[in-house]
Protein backbone atom coordinates (compact mmCIF):
# COMPACT_ATOMS: atom_id res chain seq x y z
CA UNK A 1 10.19 -31.04 6.16
CA UNK A 2 12.61 -31.46 9.25
CA UNK A 3 12.12 -29.79 12.68
CA UNK A 4 15.25 -27.91 11.97
CA UNK A 5 13.68 -26.54 8.75
CA UNK A 6 10.70 -25.55 10.80
CA UNK A 7 12.83 -23.49 13.11
CA UNK A 8 13.34 -21.26 10.23
CA UNK A 9 9.97 -21.46 8.56
CA UNK A 10 8.71 -18.45 10.29
CA UNK A 11 11.76 -16.33 9.05
CA UNK A 12 11.13 -17.29 5.66
CA UNK A 13 7.70 -15.81 6.02
CA UNK A 14 9.31 -12.44 6.56
CA UNK A 15 10.70 -12.66 3.02
CA UNK A 16 7.18 -12.21 1.50
CA UNK A 17 6.65 -9.00 3.36
CA UNK A 18 -0.29 -11.66 -2.01
CA UNK A 19 -9.17 -11.17 -13.29
CA UNK A 20 -5.61 -11.96 -14.85
CA UNK A 21 -5.68 -8.48 -16.29
CA UNK A 22 -5.34 -6.95 -12.81
CA UNK A 23 -2.34 -9.16 -12.01
CA UNK A 24 -0.45 -8.09 -15.05
CA UNK A 25 -0.43 -4.45 -13.85
CA UNK A 26 1.75 -5.52 -11.07
CA UNK A 27 4.99 -7.45 -11.66
CA UNK A 28 6.62 -9.53 -8.99
CA UNK A 29 9.43 -7.14 -8.75
CA UNK A 30 7.20 -4.16 -8.15
CA UNK A 31 5.23 -6.07 -5.40
CA UNK A 32 8.39 -7.09 -3.69
CA UNK A 33 9.79 -3.63 -3.90
CA UNK A 34 6.68 -2.26 -2.20
CA UNK A 35 7.01 -4.86 0.53
CA UNK A 36 10.65 -4.20 1.03
CA UNK A 37 9.91 -0.40 1.18
CA UNK A 38 7.12 -0.87 3.83
CA UNK A 39 9.41 -2.97 5.98
CA UNK A 40 12.27 -0.45 5.67
CA UNK A 41 9.91 2.34 6.94
CA UNK A 42 8.52 0.48 9.85
CA UNK A 43 10.25 0.85 13.26
CA UNK A 44 9.21 -2.50 14.37
CA UNK A 45 6.91 -5.29 13.07
CA UNK A 46 5.18 -8.01 14.92
CA UNK A 47 2.69 -10.81 13.77
CA UNK A 48 1.45 -14.35 14.42
CA UNK A 49 1.96 -17.32 11.95
CA UNK A 50 -0.30 -20.34 12.43
CA UNK A 51 -1.47 -23.19 10.47
CA UNK A 52 -0.30 -26.76 9.60
CA UNK A 53 3.08 -28.28 8.52
CA UNK A 54 4.34 -31.88 7.72
CA UNK A 55 7.27 -32.60 10.21
CA UNK A 56 9.21 -35.67 10.89
CA UNK A 57 6.25 -36.96 13.17
CA UNK A 58 3.63 -36.18 10.61
CA UNK A 59 1.20 -33.28 10.15
CA UNK A 60 1.35 -30.92 13.17
CA UNK A 61 -0.03 -27.58 14.25
CA UNK A 62 2.11 -24.49 13.96
CA UNK A 63 1.87 -21.39 16.14
CA UNK A 64 4.71 -18.89 16.09
CA UNK A 65 5.00 -15.19 17.33
CA UNK A 66 7.37 -13.13 15.31
CA UNK A 67 8.84 -9.64 16.14
CA UNK A 68 11.32 -7.63 14.14
CA UNK A 69 13.13 -4.40 14.27
CA UNK A 70 14.27 -3.88 10.59
CA UNK A 71 16.73 -0.97 11.17
CA UNK A 72 18.51 -3.21 13.68
CA UNK A 73 18.61 -6.21 11.40
CA UNK A 74 16.92 -8.18 14.30
CA UNK A 75 14.15 -10.79 14.50
CA UNK A 76 12.70 -12.93 17.26
CA UNK A 77 10.69 -16.09 16.87
CA UNK A 78 8.73 -17.68 19.70
CA UNK A 79 7.34 -21.19 19.31
CA UNK A 80 3.97 -21.98 20.89
CA UNK A 81 3.28 -25.09 18.78
CA UNK A 82 4.09 -27.78 17.92
CA UNK A 83 4.62 -29.28 21.39
CA UNK A 84 7.98 -30.58 20.71
CA UNK A 85 9.20 -26.99 20.08
CA UNK A 86 7.00 -25.05 22.44
CA UNK A 87 8.77 -22.31 24.33
CA UNK A 88 11.82 -22.40 22.03
CA UNK A 89 13.01 -19.05 20.92
CA UNK A 90 15.24 -17.95 17.95
CA UNK A 91 16.90 -14.69 17.92
CA UNK A 92 18.60 -13.49 14.64
CA UNK A 93 20.65 -10.46 13.92
CA UNK A 94 23.23 -9.44 11.13
CA UNK A 95 25.92 -11.51 13.18
CA UNK A 96 24.55 -14.52 14.75
CA UNK A 97 21.67 -16.88 15.32
CA UNK A 98 20.76 -17.64 18.96
CA UNK A 99 18.58 -20.56 19.44
CA UNK A 100 17.03 -21.03 22.94
CA UNK A 101 16.13 -24.76 23.59
CA UNK A 102 13.47 -24.93 26.41
CA UNK A 103 13.95 -28.62 27.27
CA UNK A 104 17.70 -28.47 27.88
CA UNK A 105 17.81 -24.66 29.00
CA UNK A 106 20.55 -24.18 26.41
CA UNK A 107 21.33 -21.35 23.98
CA UNK A 108 23.25 -22.45 20.99
CA UNK A 109 25.00 -19.43 19.07
CA UNK A 110 25.84 -19.81 15.50
CA UNK A 111 27.39 -17.10 13.27
CA UNK A 112 25.15 -16.27 10.21
CA UNK A 113 27.98 -17.34 8.03
CA UNK A 114 27.93 -20.97 9.39
CA UNK A 115 24.10 -20.87 9.68
CA UNK A 116 23.79 -19.96 6.08
CA UNK A 117 21.98 -22.47 3.88
CA UNK A 118 20.93 -24.43 7.05
CA UNK A 119 17.22 -23.37 7.00
CA UNK A 120 14.20 -23.79 4.84
CA UNK A 121 14.55 -24.10 1.04
CA UNK A 122 18.15 -22.96 1.21
CA UNK A 123 17.34 -19.38 2.26
CA UNK A 124 20.71 -17.79 3.39
CA UNK A 125 20.31 -16.63 7.04
CA UNK A 126 23.07 -14.17 6.49
CA UNK A 127 20.52 -12.28 4.34
CA UNK A 128 17.93 -12.10 7.05
CA UNK A 129 18.10 -8.35 7.24
CA UNK A 130 17.21 -8.10 3.55
CA UNK A 131 14.92 -11.14 2.85
CA UNK A 132 13.25 -9.62 -0.20
CA UNK A 133 16.81 -9.27 -1.83
CA UNK A 134 17.51 -12.89 -0.59
CA UNK A 135 14.31 -14.18 -2.21
CA UNK A 136 14.96 -12.51 -5.56
CA UNK A 137 18.54 -13.68 -5.51
CA UNK A 138 17.75 -17.37 -5.01
CA UNK A 139 14.30 -17.68 -6.51
CA UNK A 140 12.48 -16.98 -9.59
CA UNK A 141 9.33 -15.08 -8.63
CA UNK A 142 6.11 -14.55 -10.65
CA UNK A 143 2.62 -13.34 -10.02
CA UNK A 144 0.14 -16.19 -10.30
CA UNK A 145 -3.01 -13.90 -9.94
CA UNK A 146 -4.87 -11.59 -7.82
CA UNK A 147 -8.43 -10.87 -6.29
CA UNK A 148 -10.34 -8.09 -4.78
CA UNK A 149 -10.78 -4.36 -5.75
CA UNK A 150 -8.40 -1.46 -5.98
CA UNK A 151 -6.72 -0.74 -2.58
CA UNK A 152 -7.33 -4.02 -1.19
CA UNK A 153 -6.07 -6.60 -3.75
CA UNK A 154 -4.60 -9.79 -2.83
CA UNK A 155 -1.66 -10.92 -4.93
CA UNK A 156 -0.49 -14.48 -5.09
CA UNK A 157 3.26 -15.05 -5.89
CA UNK A 158 5.12 -18.20 -6.79
CA UNK A 159 8.73 -18.55 -5.97
CA UNK A 160 10.64 -21.23 -7.73
CA UNK A 161 14.19 -22.22 -6.68
CA UNK A 162 16.95 -21.27 -9.09
CA UNK A 163 19.54 -23.74 -10.49
CA UNK A 164 21.54 -25.09 -7.36
CA UNK A 165 19.03 -24.16 -4.72
CA UNK A 166 17.37 -27.00 -2.95
CA UNK A 167 13.76 -27.35 -2.03
CA UNK A 168 10.48 -26.81 -3.70
CA UNK A 169 8.32 -23.98 -4.73
CA UNK A 170 6.96 -21.46 -2.30
CA UNK A 171 3.63 -19.44 -2.61
CA UNK A 172 3.03 -16.35 -0.95
CA UNK A 173 -0.14 -14.11 -0.70
CA UNK A 174 0.53 -10.33 -0.31
CA UNK A 175 -2.23 -7.79 0.58
CA UNK A 176 -2.14 -4.45 -1.09
CA UNK A 177 -3.43 -3.07 2.03
CA UNK A 178 -0.26 -2.31 3.93
CA UNK A 179 1.84 -4.42 1.34
CA UNK A 180 2.10 -7.35 3.88
CA UNK A 181 2.08 -11.04 3.90
CA UNK A 182 -1.21 -12.88 4.79
CA UNK A 183 -0.61 -16.54 3.83
CA UNK A 184 2.46 -18.78 3.01
CA UNK A 185 2.72 -22.14 1.52
CA UNK A 186 5.73 -24.35 1.11
CA UNK A 187 5.77 -27.27 -1.45
CA UNK A 188 8.22 -30.16 -1.70
CA UNK A 189 10.03 -31.04 -4.81
CA UNK A 190 7.05 -33.31 -6.02
CA UNK A 191 4.59 -30.30 -5.62
CA UNK A 192 2.87 -31.46 -2.49
CA UNK A 193 1.99 -28.86 0.17
CA UNK A 194 4.04 -29.43 3.19
CA UNK A 195 3.20 -26.08 5.08
CA UNK A 196 0.22 -23.90 4.93
CA UNK A 197 0.44 -20.96 7.20
CA UNK A 198 -1.61 -17.87 7.79
CA UNK A 199 -0.32 -14.49 9.05
CA UNK A 200 -2.49 -12.73 11.65
CA UNK A 201 -2.23 -9.93 14.25
CA UNK A 202 0.06 -7.90 12.03
CA UNK A 203 1.19 -4.73 13.74
CA UNK A 204 3.78 -1.91 13.09
CA UNK A 205 5.45 0.59 15.35
CA UNK A 206 4.28 -0.78 18.82
CA UNK A 207 7.40 0.40 20.60
CA UNK A 208 9.44 -2.91 20.54
CA UNK A 209 13.22 -2.48 21.72
CA UNK A 210 16.24 -4.45 20.72
CA UNK A 211 16.77 -5.40 24.33
CA UNK A 212 13.23 -6.96 24.60
CA UNK A 213 13.87 -8.92 21.39
CA UNK A 214 17.16 -10.30 22.41
CA UNK A 215 16.07 -11.28 25.91
CA UNK A 216 16.67 -14.96 26.70
CA UNK A 217 16.80 -16.75 30.16
CA UNK A 218 19.78 -15.61 32.02
CA UNK A 219 20.37 -19.05 33.50
CA UNK A 220 20.66 -20.80 30.23
CA UNK A 221 23.88 -22.62 29.27
CA UNK A 222 25.58 -20.92 26.18
CA UNK A 223 26.96 -23.24 23.65
CA UNK A 224 28.80 -21.71 20.70
CA UNK A 225 28.95 -23.70 17.47
C-alpha cells in the first residue's frame, strides 16, 4: 500500500457505514441499505480511525479524524499518524478533492473526475457522496458471519473486486446498533492483511458546519492539477 492509497484509506472506511443461521437472515444488500439510510438521515457524522497499515516504509500506526456532512456531499480527513502525514488534511466534496500538505504548506486541488480511481482499491472518488452505491458497483459483497444477540449483532462483510477493479479484498464489520462500521481490513491480491483499522468515537448530529469542514490554512499556496 502506498502513502497515496493511505490518503484515501479513511474515505473508503466511510463506504462500510459488521451462528451462521443469524447471518443468513441479513443479506449484504440489506445491511448496506440500512447503513446508507442511516448515513442519509444524519445531519453530520464524525469518528476516529486508528490501527496499523503497511506503507512504503513498512508497518506504521494510523490515526485519522474524519468528519462528514452527507447532505452536502462533504467529508474532511485529518491525519494524526503516521508521522510522515501528520497534520495533512483532505477535504472532498462532489466537485473536487483538496489535499493540504503540512510540510510544504500547499493545497493541491483536483477535480473528482481526475481523482477518480487514484485511491485505495480503485474506489472512485467521484462516488464519495454515495459510497455504499460505489461499493456495490465495483465490488461483490457478501456476509461472512455475525456474532452477538439481537439488537447488538456484529456483521462481517467481505468485498471482492469485480473484474477490472484493481486491489484485493476488503473486510468490514458493521454493528447492528446504529448500523455503523466498527472495523475495516484491507487485503492485498495475495490475501495478506495490509491494513487493520478500528472505528471509535462515532458521533452523529454534533452541529458540524460545511464552513468548518472546508477550513484550510489561509496562507497555503493553492496548486491546481
